N, C-alpha and C. Protein backbone atom coordinates (compact mmCIF):
# COMPACT_ATOMS: atom_id res chain seq x y z
N SER A 1 4.93 274.06 46.61
CA SER A 1 5.08 274.79 45.85
C SER A 1 6.24 274.24 44.97
N LEU A 2 6.48 274.17 43.51
CA LEU A 2 7.89 274.01 42.80
C LEU A 2 8.69 275.35 43.11
N PRO A 3 10.41 275.44 43.27
CA PRO A 3 11.06 276.42 43.02
C PRO A 3 11.19 276.82 42.34
N PRO A 4 11.33 278.05 41.78
CA PRO A 4 11.36 278.51 40.23
C PRO A 4 12.59 278.13 39.32
N SER A 5 13.66 277.71 40.41
CA SER A 5 14.61 277.63 39.28
C SER A 5 14.89 275.73 39.52
N LEU A 6 14.07 275.05 39.64
CA LEU A 6 14.29 274.01 39.67
C LEU A 6 14.47 273.49 38.33
N PRO A 7 15.33 272.87 38.10
CA PRO A 7 15.85 272.32 36.37
C PRO A 7 14.78 271.28 35.97
N SER A 8 14.30 270.43 36.48
CA SER A 8 13.14 269.28 36.26
C SER A 8 11.89 269.22 36.96
N ILE A 9 10.78 268.53 35.97
CA ILE A 9 9.90 268.89 37.15
C ILE A 9 9.89 267.11 37.53
N PHE A 10 9.25 267.00 38.74
CA PHE A 10 9.31 265.28 39.34
C PHE A 10 7.77 265.15 39.27
N ILE A 11 7.28 263.99 39.13
CA ILE A 11 6.12 263.48 39.39
C ILE A 11 5.86 262.56 40.31
N TYR A 12 5.08 262.48 41.14
CA TYR A 12 5.64 261.62 41.84
C TYR A 12 3.78 261.01 42.15
N ILE A 13 3.64 259.50 42.20
CA ILE A 13 2.13 259.30 42.70
C ILE A 13 2.34 257.69 43.13
N GLN A 14 1.54 256.92 43.93
CA GLN A 14 1.13 256.01 44.64
C GLN A 14 0.54 255.67 45.22
N GLY A 15 -0.52 257.14 45.71
CA GLY A 15 -1.48 256.79 46.54
C GLY A 15 -1.49 257.15 47.97
N ASN A 16 -0.03 256.70 48.71
CA ASN A 16 0.24 257.01 50.56
C ASN A 16 0.17 258.20 50.41
N ILE A 17 -0.63 258.94 50.25
CA ILE A 17 -0.68 260.44 50.84
C ILE A 17 -1.70 260.63 52.33
N PHE A 18 -0.88 261.08 53.13
CA PHE A 18 -1.46 261.44 54.48
C PHE A 18 -1.30 263.21 54.85
N VAL A 19 -2.54 263.37 55.57
CA VAL A 19 -2.89 264.93 56.26
C VAL A 19 -1.84 264.73 57.50
N LEU A 20 -1.14 265.20 57.54
CA LEU A 20 -0.37 265.33 59.11
C LEU A 20 -1.12 266.34 60.06
N GLU A 21 -0.97 266.53 61.62
CA GLU A 21 -1.31 267.66 62.08
C GLU A 21 -1.37 268.84 61.82
N ASP A 22 -0.33 269.06 61.33
CA ASP A 22 -0.20 270.64 61.34
C ASP A 22 -0.66 270.95 59.95
N GLY A 23 -1.22 270.00 59.13
CA GLY A 23 -1.92 270.18 57.98
C GLY A 23 -1.44 270.10 56.47
N GLN A 24 0.27 270.01 56.67
CA GLN A 24 0.95 269.73 55.45
C GLN A 24 0.49 268.13 54.92
N ILE A 25 1.14 268.02 53.92
CA ILE A 25 0.40 266.82 53.19
C ILE A 25 2.53 265.95 53.29
N GLY A 26 1.87 264.61 53.40
CA GLY A 26 2.99 263.62 53.83
C GLY A 26 2.78 262.95 52.86
N LEU A 27 4.26 262.26 51.84
CA LEU A 27 4.00 261.17 51.07
C LEU A 27 5.17 260.58 51.15
N ILE A 28 4.83 258.86 51.00
CA ILE A 28 5.18 258.05 52.23
C ILE A 28 5.54 256.88 50.50
N ASP A 29 6.48 255.86 50.55
CA ASP A 29 6.86 254.83 49.74
C ASP A 29 6.72 255.57 47.92
N PHE A 30 8.00 256.21 47.55
CA PHE A 30 7.66 256.94 46.71
C PHE A 30 8.34 255.63 45.48
N GLY A 31 7.04 255.18 45.07
CA GLY A 31 6.84 253.72 43.83
C GLY A 31 7.46 254.15 42.78
N GLN A 32 5.93 255.17 42.51
CA GLN A 32 6.18 255.80 40.88
C GLN A 32 7.08 257.38 41.23
N VAL A 33 8.05 257.24 39.96
CA VAL A 33 8.88 258.66 39.87
C VAL A 33 9.20 258.86 38.67
N LYS A 34 8.48 260.40 38.23
CA LYS A 34 9.05 260.29 36.70
C LYS A 34 9.40 261.80 36.90
N GLN A 35 10.53 261.66 35.92
CA GLN A 35 11.01 262.94 35.40
C GLN A 35 10.68 263.66 34.35
N ILE A 36 10.06 265.05 34.11
CA ILE A 36 10.17 265.56 33.12
C ILE A 36 10.82 266.47 32.60
N SER A 37 11.19 266.14 31.51
CA SER A 37 12.42 267.62 30.90
C SER A 37 12.67 267.93 29.36
N GLY A 38 13.60 268.57 28.91
CA GLY A 38 13.17 269.20 27.76
C GLY A 38 12.13 269.70 27.26
N ARG A 39 11.66 268.93 25.95
CA ARG A 39 10.15 270.22 25.44
C ARG A 39 9.17 270.11 26.25
N SER A 40 9.12 268.40 26.55
CA SER A 40 7.70 268.65 27.16
C SER A 40 7.66 269.12 28.76
N ARG A 41 8.67 269.63 28.80
CA ARG A 41 8.59 270.01 30.34
C ARG A 41 8.11 271.80 29.89
N GLU A 42 8.91 272.46 28.79
CA GLU A 42 8.35 273.57 28.42
C GLU A 42 7.28 273.76 27.63
N THR A 43 6.39 272.58 27.29
CA THR A 43 5.12 273.07 27.09
C THR A 43 4.37 272.74 27.91
N LEU A 44 4.63 271.95 28.86
CA LEU A 44 3.62 272.02 30.02
C LEU A 44 3.85 273.07 30.69
N ALA A 45 5.07 273.97 30.93
CA ALA A 45 4.75 274.83 31.39
C ALA A 45 3.80 275.80 30.79
N LYS A 46 4.07 276.31 29.29
CA LYS A 46 2.96 276.64 28.49
C LYS A 46 1.45 276.52 29.30
N VAL A 47 1.32 275.25 29.26
CA VAL A 47 -0.27 275.01 28.97
C VAL A 47 -0.74 275.53 30.07
N MET A 48 0.13 275.40 31.44
CA MET A 48 -0.47 276.00 32.97
C MET A 48 -0.50 277.41 32.64
N VAL A 49 0.28 278.14 32.05
CA VAL A 49 0.21 279.47 31.89
C VAL A 49 -0.91 280.22 31.06
N ALA A 50 -1.35 279.39 29.66
CA ALA A 50 -2.24 279.69 29.31
C ALA A 50 -3.67 279.51 29.92
N LEU A 51 -3.99 278.01 30.54
CA LEU A 51 -4.81 278.04 31.22
C LEU A 51 -4.82 278.88 32.75
N ASP A 52 -4.16 279.63 33.10
CA ASP A 52 -4.14 280.72 34.37
C ASP A 52 -4.38 281.91 33.75
N GLU A 53 -4.43 282.25 32.78
CA GLU A 53 -3.92 283.59 32.18
C GLU A 53 -5.28 283.58 31.63
N ARG A 54 -5.88 282.33 30.85
CA ARG A 54 -7.09 282.72 30.02
C ARG A 54 -8.43 283.88 30.54
N VAL A 55 -8.94 284.75 29.46
CA VAL A 55 -9.62 285.56 30.00
C VAL A 55 -11.11 284.94 30.33
N GLY A 56 -11.78 283.78 29.73
CA GLY A 56 -12.57 283.30 29.74
C GLY A 56 -12.65 281.70 29.23
N ASP A 57 -13.72 280.77 29.67
CA ASP A 57 -13.70 279.46 29.10
C ASP A 57 -14.15 279.23 27.96
N ASP A 58 -14.92 280.20 27.21
CA ASP A 58 -15.20 280.15 25.84
C ASP A 58 -14.90 280.74 25.05
N ARG A 59 -13.81 281.78 25.33
CA ARG A 59 -13.38 282.71 24.26
C ARG A 59 -12.65 282.11 23.58
N PRO A 60 -12.66 282.45 22.18
CA PRO A 60 -12.40 281.72 20.81
C PRO A 60 -10.63 281.44 20.97
N GLU A 61 -10.16 282.84 21.03
CA GLU A 61 -8.50 283.03 21.06
C GLU A 61 -7.81 281.92 22.15
N ASP A 62 -8.63 282.00 23.22
CA ASP A 62 -7.87 281.23 24.42
C ASP A 62 -8.27 279.77 24.12
N LEU A 63 -9.35 279.32 23.29
CA LEU A 63 -9.45 278.00 23.24
C LEU A 63 -8.39 277.32 22.12
N GLU A 64 -8.02 278.37 21.15
CA GLU A 64 -7.48 277.92 20.16
C GLU A 64 -5.53 277.98 20.35
N SER A 65 -5.74 278.71 21.51
CA SER A 65 -4.33 278.52 21.79
C SER A 65 -4.07 277.44 22.45
N ILE A 66 -4.71 277.48 24.02
CA ILE A 66 -4.80 276.17 24.37
C ILE A 66 -5.00 274.92 24.02
N GLY A 67 -5.70 274.75 22.93
CA GLY A 67 -6.09 273.41 22.23
C GLY A 67 -4.34 273.34 21.20
N ASN A 68 -3.71 274.39 20.77
CA ASN A 68 -2.71 274.07 19.84
C ASN A 68 -1.39 273.67 20.67
N LEU A 69 -1.94 273.81 22.41
CA LEU A 69 -0.76 273.76 23.04
C LEU A 69 -0.81 271.85 23.50
N ALA A 70 -2.00 271.71 23.48
CA ALA A 70 -2.67 270.31 23.90
C ALA A 70 -1.79 269.35 22.88
N LEU A 71 -2.30 269.55 21.54
CA LEU A 71 -1.53 268.90 20.84
C LEU A 71 0.26 269.04 20.32
N GLU A 72 0.75 270.27 20.74
CA GLU A 72 2.04 270.37 20.63
C GLU A 72 2.23 269.10 22.12
N LEU A 73 2.23 269.37 23.11
CA LEU A 73 2.10 267.94 23.88
C LEU A 73 2.22 266.46 23.45
N GLY A 74 2.03 266.62 22.59
CA GLY A 74 1.74 264.95 21.83
C GLY A 74 0.19 264.55 21.86
N CYS A 75 -0.92 264.85 22.31
CA CYS A 75 -2.05 264.39 22.47
C CYS A 75 -2.93 264.05 21.15
N GLU A 76 -3.22 262.91 20.63
CA GLU A 76 -3.75 262.92 19.37
C GLU A 76 -5.28 262.57 20.35
N PHE A 77 -6.04 263.17 19.01
CA PHE A 77 -7.85 263.24 18.84
C PHE A 77 -8.04 262.38 18.10
N ASN A 78 -9.73 262.23 18.18
CA ASN A 78 -10.18 261.49 16.56
C ASN A 78 -10.71 262.31 15.76
N GLU A 79 -10.56 261.94 15.01
CA GLU A 79 -10.68 262.50 13.03
C GLU A 79 -11.69 263.38 13.47
N ASP A 80 -12.96 262.81 13.92
CA ASP A 80 -14.12 263.56 13.70
C ASP A 80 -14.52 264.92 15.31
N ALA A 81 -13.58 264.79 15.83
CA ALA A 81 -13.47 265.67 17.38
C ALA A 81 -13.48 267.02 16.57
N PRO A 82 -14.42 267.62 17.50
CA PRO A 82 -14.72 269.39 17.30
C PRO A 82 -12.86 269.83 18.06
N ALA A 83 -12.77 271.22 17.64
CA ALA A 83 -12.00 272.04 17.97
C ALA A 83 -12.31 272.04 19.45
N GLU A 84 -12.88 272.41 20.26
CA GLU A 84 -13.37 272.61 21.40
C GLU A 84 -12.84 271.20 22.13
N ALA A 85 -12.47 270.09 21.74
CA ALA A 85 -12.07 269.06 22.38
C ALA A 85 -10.75 269.65 22.82
N TYR A 86 -10.31 269.83 22.25
CA TYR A 86 -8.68 269.95 22.55
C TYR A 86 -8.31 270.43 23.92
N ALA A 87 -9.18 272.03 23.72
CA ALA A 87 -9.10 273.01 25.16
C ALA A 87 -9.81 272.20 25.97
N ALA A 88 -10.87 271.54 25.56
CA ALA A 88 -11.87 271.00 26.83
C ALA A 88 -11.06 270.04 27.71
N VAL A 89 -10.10 269.11 27.00
CA VAL A 89 -9.31 267.79 27.86
C VAL A 89 -8.19 268.48 28.62
N ALA A 90 -7.62 269.97 28.10
CA ALA A 90 -6.75 270.55 28.85
C ALA A 90 -7.52 271.08 30.26
N MET A 91 -8.68 271.51 30.08
CA MET A 91 -9.17 272.15 31.35
C MET A 91 -9.88 271.12 32.03
N TRP A 92 -9.85 270.06 31.46
CA TRP A 92 -10.47 269.02 32.58
C TRP A 92 -9.39 268.46 33.34
N LEU A 93 -8.39 268.04 32.62
CA LEU A 93 -7.48 267.59 33.16
C LEU A 93 -6.31 268.54 34.43
N PHE A 94 -6.70 269.88 34.25
CA PHE A 94 -5.13 270.80 34.83
C PHE A 94 -6.35 271.78 36.07
N ASP A 95 -7.42 271.91 35.19
CA ASP A 95 -7.96 273.05 35.81
C ASP A 95 -9.52 272.80 36.57
N ASN A 96 -9.59 272.13 37.70
CA ASN A 96 -10.82 271.51 38.31
C ASN A 96 -11.85 272.49 38.68
N THR A 97 -11.62 273.51 38.56
CA THR A 97 -12.39 275.20 39.39
C THR A 97 -13.20 275.44 37.47
N VAL A 98 -13.05 274.54 37.03
CA VAL A 98 -14.08 275.61 35.16
C VAL A 98 -15.22 274.50 35.84
N GLU A 99 -16.16 275.32 35.61
CA GLU A 99 -18.06 275.07 35.86
C GLU A 99 -18.41 274.64 34.49
N ASN A 100 -17.91 274.65 33.42
CA ASN A 100 -18.71 274.23 32.09
C ASN A 100 -17.72 274.43 31.35
N LEU A 101 -17.09 272.83 30.71
CA LEU A 101 -16.28 272.69 29.62
C LEU A 101 -16.39 273.46 28.42
N PRO A 102 -15.80 273.88 27.69
CA PRO A 102 -16.12 274.09 26.43
C PRO A 102 -16.66 272.95 25.14
N GLY A 103 -17.40 273.18 24.23
CA GLY A 103 -18.16 272.21 23.49
C GLY A 103 -19.03 271.53 24.57
N GLY A 104 -19.93 271.74 25.42
CA GLY A 104 -20.77 271.40 26.12
C GLY A 104 -20.47 269.60 27.09
N TYR A 105 -19.21 269.53 26.76
CA TYR A 105 -18.52 268.34 27.55
C TYR A 105 -18.75 268.57 29.09
N ASP A 106 -19.16 267.22 29.65
CA ASP A 106 -19.18 266.99 31.38
C ASP A 106 -17.98 266.88 31.70
N LYS A 107 -17.93 267.15 33.18
CA LYS A 107 -16.79 266.88 33.63
C LYS A 107 -16.40 265.76 34.57
N GLY A 108 -17.59 265.24 34.44
CA GLY A 108 -17.12 263.35 35.03
C GLY A 108 -16.34 262.97 33.88
N GLU A 109 -15.43 262.11 34.30
CA GLU A 109 -14.37 261.43 33.86
C GLU A 109 -15.09 259.99 33.47
N LEU A 110 -16.50 259.61 33.95
CA LEU A 110 -16.72 258.27 33.45
C LEU A 110 -18.13 258.65 32.63
N SER A 111 -18.46 260.03 33.09
CA SER A 111 -19.20 260.34 31.60
C SER A 111 -19.33 260.02 30.29
N PRO A 112 -20.55 259.77 29.37
CA PRO A 112 -20.66 259.24 27.94
C PRO A 112 -19.77 260.61 26.89
N ASN A 113 -20.16 261.92 27.97
CA ASN A 113 -19.72 262.96 27.26
C ASN A 113 -18.42 263.57 27.44
N SER A 114 -18.06 262.83 28.33
CA SER A 114 -16.29 263.55 28.67
C SER A 114 -15.61 264.05 27.67
N PRO A 115 -15.30 264.85 28.03
CA PRO A 115 -13.92 265.02 26.53
C PRO A 115 -12.98 263.97 26.67
N VAL A 116 -12.78 263.47 27.56
CA VAL A 116 -11.47 262.24 27.98
C VAL A 116 -11.97 261.25 26.06
N LYS A 117 -13.53 260.91 25.91
CA LYS A 117 -13.78 260.06 24.69
C LYS A 117 -13.24 260.46 22.99
N GLU A 118 -12.64 261.92 23.62
CA GLU A 118 -12.25 262.42 22.19
C GLU A 118 -10.38 261.82 21.99
N LEU A 119 -9.87 261.49 22.88
CA LEU A 119 -8.46 261.22 23.07
C LEU A 119 -8.56 259.78 22.41
N LYS A 120 -7.33 260.16 21.36
CA LYS A 120 -6.99 258.60 21.01
C LYS A 120 -5.98 258.11 21.51
N SER A 121 -4.75 259.07 21.80
CA SER A 121 -3.95 258.41 22.83
C SER A 121 -3.03 259.73 23.80
N PHE A 122 -2.48 259.37 24.64
CA PHE A 122 -2.07 260.23 25.60
C PHE A 122 -0.46 260.23 25.79
N PRO A 123 0.33 261.46 25.69
CA PRO A 123 1.77 261.21 25.97
C PRO A 123 2.30 260.17 26.80
N GLN A 124 2.65 259.45 26.70
CA GLN A 124 3.60 258.55 27.28
C GLN A 124 4.40 259.36 29.03
N ASP A 125 5.06 260.03 28.38
CA ASP A 125 5.76 261.12 29.04
C ASP A 125 4.93 261.91 30.33
N LEU A 126 3.65 262.01 29.89
CA LEU A 126 2.88 262.71 30.69
C LEU A 126 2.05 262.25 31.59
N VAL A 127 2.20 260.80 31.33
CA VAL A 127 1.10 259.55 32.03
C VAL A 127 1.25 260.28 33.75
N LEU A 128 2.09 259.80 34.11
CA LEU A 128 1.75 260.18 35.57
C LEU A 128 1.27 261.74 36.25
N VAL A 129 1.40 262.42 34.75
CA VAL A 129 1.06 264.02 35.31
C VAL A 129 -0.40 263.95 35.72
N GLY A 130 -0.79 263.47 34.14
CA GLY A 130 -2.10 263.03 34.89
C GLY A 130 -2.87 262.35 35.80
N ARG A 131 -2.49 261.29 35.47
CA ARG A 131 -2.46 260.18 37.19
C ARG A 131 -2.72 261.27 38.46
N SER A 132 -1.63 261.91 38.58
CA SER A 132 -1.52 262.61 39.54
C SER A 132 -2.69 263.91 40.52
N SER A 133 -2.63 264.53 38.55
CA SER A 133 -3.75 265.56 38.89
C SER A 133 -5.41 264.81 39.04
N ILE A 134 -5.36 263.85 38.50
CA ILE A 134 -6.71 262.95 38.77
C ILE A 134 -6.92 262.92 40.02
N LEU A 135 -5.64 262.26 40.68
CA LEU A 135 -5.70 261.45 42.12
C LEU A 135 -6.43 263.05 42.56
N ILE A 136 -5.46 264.24 43.16
CA ILE A 136 -5.80 265.35 43.41
C ILE A 136 -7.29 266.03 43.06
N LYS A 137 -7.42 265.89 41.81
CA LYS A 137 -8.76 266.17 42.02
C LYS A 137 -9.96 265.61 42.34
N GLY A 138 -9.44 264.25 42.41
CA GLY A 138 -10.87 263.26 43.25
C GLY A 138 -10.55 263.56 44.93
N LEU A 139 -9.44 263.80 45.27
CA LEU A 139 -9.33 264.50 46.68
C LEU A 139 -10.36 265.43 46.99
N SER A 140 -9.52 266.79 46.07
CA SER A 140 -10.57 268.34 46.31
C SER A 140 -11.97 267.88 46.34
N ASN A 141 -12.60 267.38 45.34
CA ASN A 141 -13.94 267.30 45.25
C ASN A 141 -14.86 266.42 46.37
N ARG A 142 -14.11 265.46 46.60
CA ARG A 142 -14.42 264.85 48.09
C ARG A 142 -14.84 265.73 49.35
N LEU A 143 -13.27 266.53 49.19
CA LEU A 143 -13.53 267.75 50.02
C LEU A 143 -14.27 268.77 50.02
N ASN A 144 -14.64 268.91 48.70
CA ASN A 144 -15.70 269.95 48.45
C ASN A 144 -14.33 271.59 48.65
N ILE A 145 -13.16 271.17 47.81
CA ILE A 145 -12.31 272.10 47.72
C ILE A 145 -11.90 272.62 46.68
N PRO A 146 -12.21 273.73 45.54
CA PRO A 146 -11.80 273.50 44.75
C PRO A 146 -10.18 273.98 44.51
N TRP A 147 -9.71 273.47 42.97
CA TRP A 147 -8.46 273.23 43.02
C TRP A 147 -7.91 273.15 41.36
N SER A 148 -6.97 274.16 41.35
CA SER A 148 -6.19 274.15 39.97
C SER A 148 -5.14 273.78 40.07
N LEU A 149 -4.79 272.64 39.54
CA LEU A 149 -2.88 272.43 38.81
C LEU A 149 -2.47 274.00 38.39
N ALA A 150 -3.36 274.19 37.41
CA ALA A 150 -2.83 275.31 36.61
C ALA A 150 -2.66 276.43 37.56
N LYS A 151 -3.55 276.90 38.52
CA LYS A 151 -3.53 277.56 38.98
C LYS A 151 -2.55 277.96 40.18
N GLU A 152 -1.95 276.55 40.43
CA GLU A 152 -0.86 276.44 41.20
C GLU A 152 0.27 276.63 40.56
N TRP A 153 0.45 276.08 39.73
CA TRP A 153 1.75 275.82 38.85
C TRP A 153 1.77 277.28 37.65
N GLY A 154 0.80 277.66 37.44
CA GLY A 154 0.84 278.86 36.67
C GLY A 154 1.89 280.06 36.55
N PRO A 155 1.96 280.57 38.03
CA PRO A 155 2.98 281.54 38.08
C PRO A 155 4.38 281.31 38.09
N ILE A 156 4.66 279.86 38.34
CA ILE A 156 5.92 279.57 38.56
C ILE A 156 6.27 278.80 37.50
N ALA A 157 5.60 278.46 36.32
CA ALA A 157 6.07 278.12 35.70
C ALA A 157 6.36 279.29 34.33
N LYS A 158 5.10 280.52 34.87
CA LYS A 158 5.54 281.53 33.77
C LYS A 158 7.18 282.32 34.08
N THR A 159 7.62 282.12 35.39
CA THR A 159 8.63 282.48 35.97
C THR A 159 9.45 282.04 35.17
N VAL A 160 9.66 280.79 34.95
CA VAL A 160 10.62 280.23 34.21
C VAL A 160 10.58 280.38 32.65
N LEU A 161 9.30 280.20 32.50
CA LEU A 161 9.36 280.40 30.86
C LEU A 161 10.54 282.04 30.27
N ASN A 162 9.74 282.81 31.59
CA ASN A 162 10.11 284.37 31.31
C ASN A 162 12.13 283.76 31.63
N ARG A 163 12.53 283.47 32.15
CA ARG A 163 13.69 283.29 32.64
C ARG A 163 14.55 282.42 31.56
N ASN A 164 13.90 281.44 30.30
CA ASN A 164 14.30 280.55 29.30
C ASN A 164 14.37 281.72 28.20
N ALA A 165 13.35 282.94 28.37
CA ALA A 165 12.98 283.54 27.16
C ALA A 165 14.35 284.14 27.10
N GLU A 166 14.41 284.91 28.56
CA GLU A 166 15.75 285.61 28.65
C GLU A 166 17.34 285.08 27.96
N ALA A 167 17.42 284.25 28.44
CA ALA A 167 18.48 283.18 28.15
C ALA A 167 18.51 282.74 26.43
N ASP A 168 17.15 283.08 25.68
CA ASP A 168 17.55 282.77 24.29
C ASP A 168 17.61 283.95 23.30
N GLU A 169 17.19 284.76 24.04
CA GLU A 169 17.72 286.41 23.39
C GLU A 169 19.18 286.76 23.80
N LYS A 170 19.76 286.43 25.22
CA LYS A 170 21.34 286.49 25.16
C LYS A 170 21.84 285.77 24.32
N ASP A 171 21.11 284.47 23.94
CA ASP A 171 22.14 283.42 23.05
C ASP A 171 21.43 283.83 21.12
N GLY A 172 20.99 284.67 21.44
CA GLY A 172 20.62 284.96 19.94
C GLY A 172 19.27 284.37 19.35
N GLY A 173 18.73 283.50 20.43
CA GLY A 173 17.45 282.87 19.85
C GLY A 173 16.88 281.95 19.20
N ASN A 174 16.18 281.04 19.28
CA ASN A 174 16.05 279.97 18.58
C ASN A 174 14.86 280.54 17.12
N ARG A 175 15.28 280.60 16.34
CA ARG A 175 14.41 281.44 14.90
C ARG A 175 13.84 280.32 14.19
N ILE A 176 12.68 280.92 14.02
CA ILE A 176 11.49 280.10 12.82
C ILE A 176 11.71 280.19 12.09
N ARG A 177 12.05 278.78 11.05
CA ARG A 177 12.04 278.88 9.98
C ARG A 177 11.21 279.45 8.86
N PHE A 178 11.08 279.65 8.07
CA PHE A 178 10.05 280.43 7.17
C PHE A 178 9.71 279.21 6.65
N ARG A 179 10.31 278.56 5.75
CA ARG A 179 10.08 277.10 5.15
C ARG A 179 9.56 276.03 6.37
N ASP A 180 9.33 276.54 7.75
CA ASP A 180 8.23 275.69 8.20
C ASP A 180 7.10 276.17 8.40
N VAL A 181 6.93 276.91 8.21
CA VAL A 181 5.83 277.99 8.16
C VAL A 181 4.64 277.73 7.01
N VAL A 182 5.81 277.98 5.91
CA VAL A 182 5.05 278.34 4.47
C VAL A 182 4.08 277.63 4.02
N SER A 183 4.07 276.07 3.82
CA SER A 183 3.53 275.57 3.56
C SER A 183 2.14 275.39 4.40
N MET A 184 1.87 276.16 5.31
CA MET A 184 0.42 276.13 6.05
C MET A 184 -0.17 277.83 5.92
N ALA A 185 0.40 278.07 5.15
CA ALA A 185 0.09 279.83 4.99
C ALA A 185 -1.41 279.80 4.28
N LYS A 186 -1.96 279.04 3.71
CA LYS A 186 -3.18 279.20 2.51
C LYS A 186 -3.97 278.68 3.60
N GLN A 187 -3.79 277.90 4.78
CA GLN A 187 -4.62 277.43 6.23
C GLN A 187 -4.76 278.35 7.16
N TRP A 188 -3.98 278.93 7.42
CA TRP A 188 -3.66 280.31 8.48
C TRP A 188 -4.97 280.95 9.15
N SER A 189 -6.01 281.11 7.76
CA SER A 189 -6.98 282.05 8.56
C SER A 189 -8.07 281.65 8.82
N GLY A 190 -8.86 282.03 9.51
CA GLY A 190 -10.53 281.41 9.73
C GLY A 190 -10.15 280.55 11.26
N GLY A 191 -8.62 280.23 11.75
CA GLY A 191 -8.49 279.28 12.63
C GLY A 191 -8.82 277.68 12.14
N LYS A 192 -8.19 277.58 11.45
CA LYS A 192 -8.50 275.94 10.85
C LYS A 192 -7.37 275.32 11.18
N ILE A 193 -6.53 276.07 11.90
CA ILE A 193 -5.13 275.36 11.94
C ILE A 193 -4.74 274.11 12.51
N SER A 194 -5.96 274.13 13.59
CA SER A 194 -5.83 272.90 14.90
C SER A 194 -6.44 272.00 13.75
N GLY A 195 -7.57 271.67 12.84
CA GLY A 195 -7.83 271.03 11.87
C GLY A 195 -6.60 270.29 11.24
N LEU A 196 -6.07 271.15 10.66
CA LEU A 196 -5.04 270.79 9.62
C LEU A 196 -3.80 270.25 10.60
N VAL A 197 -3.68 270.59 11.49
CA VAL A 197 -2.33 269.79 12.25
C VAL A 197 -2.91 268.66 12.39
N THR A 198 -4.31 267.92 13.15
CA THR A 198 -4.40 266.92 13.45
C THR A 198 -4.76 265.92 12.67
N ARG A 199 -4.40 266.30 11.09
CA ARG A 199 -4.52 265.19 10.44
C ARG A 199 -2.52 264.54 9.64
N LEU A 200 -1.79 265.61 10.55
CA LEU A 200 -0.60 265.04 10.28
C LEU A 200 -0.14 263.73 11.01
N PRO A 201 1.22 263.25 10.57
CA PRO A 201 1.80 262.27 11.33
C PRO A 201 2.08 262.78 12.38
N SER A 202 1.90 261.93 13.33
CA SER A 202 2.35 262.44 15.04
C SER A 202 3.77 263.29 15.12
N PRO A 203 4.73 262.70 14.65
CA PRO A 203 5.93 263.44 14.68
C PRO A 203 5.94 264.72 14.44
N VAL A 204 5.26 264.62 12.85
CA VAL A 204 5.30 266.00 12.27
C VAL A 204 4.10 267.30 12.93
N ARG A 205 3.00 266.53 13.51
CA ARG A 205 2.13 267.01 14.16
C ARG A 205 2.52 268.10 15.12
N LYS A 206 3.38 267.31 15.74
CA LYS A 206 3.91 267.52 17.15
C LYS A 206 4.90 269.35 17.22
N ARG A 207 5.68 269.09 15.33
CA ARG A 207 6.39 269.70 15.00
C ARG A 207 6.08 271.11 14.80
N VAL A 208 4.96 270.93 14.08
CA VAL A 208 4.27 272.01 13.45
C VAL A 208 3.45 272.35 14.35
N ALA A 209 2.77 271.84 15.75
CA ALA A 209 2.28 272.65 16.28
C ALA A 209 2.81 273.54 17.33
N GLY A 210 3.74 273.12 17.56
CA GLY A 210 5.47 274.01 18.42
C GLY A 210 5.43 275.03 17.62
N VAL A 211 5.77 275.26 16.33
CA VAL A 211 6.17 276.54 15.77
C VAL A 211 4.87 276.96 15.58
N VAL A 212 3.70 276.57 15.60
CA VAL A 212 2.32 277.53 15.65
C VAL A 212 2.17 278.32 16.69
N VAL A 213 2.46 277.39 17.97
CA VAL A 213 2.57 278.06 19.14
C VAL A 213 3.41 279.41 19.16
N ARG A 214 4.86 279.21 18.63
CA ARG A 214 5.64 280.22 18.52
C ARG A 214 5.32 281.29 18.04
N VAL A 215 4.37 281.46 16.93
CA VAL A 215 4.59 282.11 16.10
C VAL A 215 3.21 282.86 16.60
N GLN A 216 2.31 282.42 17.41
CA GLN A 216 1.57 282.96 17.72
C GLN A 216 1.83 283.96 18.92
N GLU A 217 2.92 283.18 19.89
CA GLU A 217 3.46 283.86 21.10
C GLU A 217 3.99 285.12 20.54
N ARG A 218 4.75 285.31 19.56
CA ARG A 218 5.94 286.25 18.42
C ARG A 218 4.82 287.29 18.41
N ARG A 219 3.79 287.28 17.90
CA ARG A 219 2.45 288.06 17.30
C ARG A 219 1.87 288.52 18.20
N ALA A 220 1.49 288.09 19.59
CA ALA A 220 1.04 288.87 20.73
C ALA A 220 2.05 289.56 21.56
N LYS A 221 3.15 289.26 21.56
CA LYS A 221 4.08 289.93 22.19
C LYS A 221 4.64 291.35 21.27
N ARG A 222 4.60 291.48 20.31
CA ARG A 222 4.39 292.28 18.96
C ARG A 222 3.43 292.83 19.43
N ALA A 223 2.21 292.37 19.35
CA ALA A 223 1.06 293.37 19.38
C ALA A 223 0.99 294.39 20.58
N ALA A 224 1.53 293.35 21.54
CA ALA A 224 1.54 294.18 23.06
C ALA A 224 2.75 295.26 23.12
N GLU A 225 3.42 295.27 22.26
CA GLU A 225 4.64 296.28 22.42
C GLU A 225 4.26 297.41 21.43
N THR A 226 3.04 297.45 21.09
CA THR A 226 2.67 298.42 19.78
C THR A 226 1.50 299.28 20.35
N LYS A 227 1.34 298.41 21.41
CA LYS A 227 0.28 299.25 22.67
C LYS A 227 0.89 300.68 23.63
């Protein structure tokens, strides 16, 4: 596992993986190494926490939260993709323990009913993350070992996010400007925000999705404090 204090996330993929005599995993020939930093790292951490802490695989609140985070990561979906597809892709990619994907999608990546078919494009910054996850999923399936990247990274990601939040509070925080969300206020009710975001241009979509996620987080935090 990665230490909580690690300033960046490094993803390695090459295919040269060995199981040593003591059970540890050995990696050789570091042919492809990717450093993830900045906003992508923070959003990826939020995806892991949301997947790890979700109440159920079909709970609307969880699906909307995970789906908005998938949009914030920079995933682009087909215009006719149902809202469940956003969360289904995240679950398929980062949590191999899920039994039934939302929206009735199949877990097999080559299936004609795979949620991957709903993807128009995947963020280049995270391609190696996806490839690494798929590689380990294949190994775990072959060995019949349940494995979830979200469950492995979730606790670490939560620790890092909490530390970042504490640092933001000391610095005065990053306030969400009202003008960033007022234009979508009329679309807020009824869980329609994901559909609205998908129709925006890519740079704007990613920013707006980030704003939505932060607003949801603050609402959840205030609700928890009032209990």
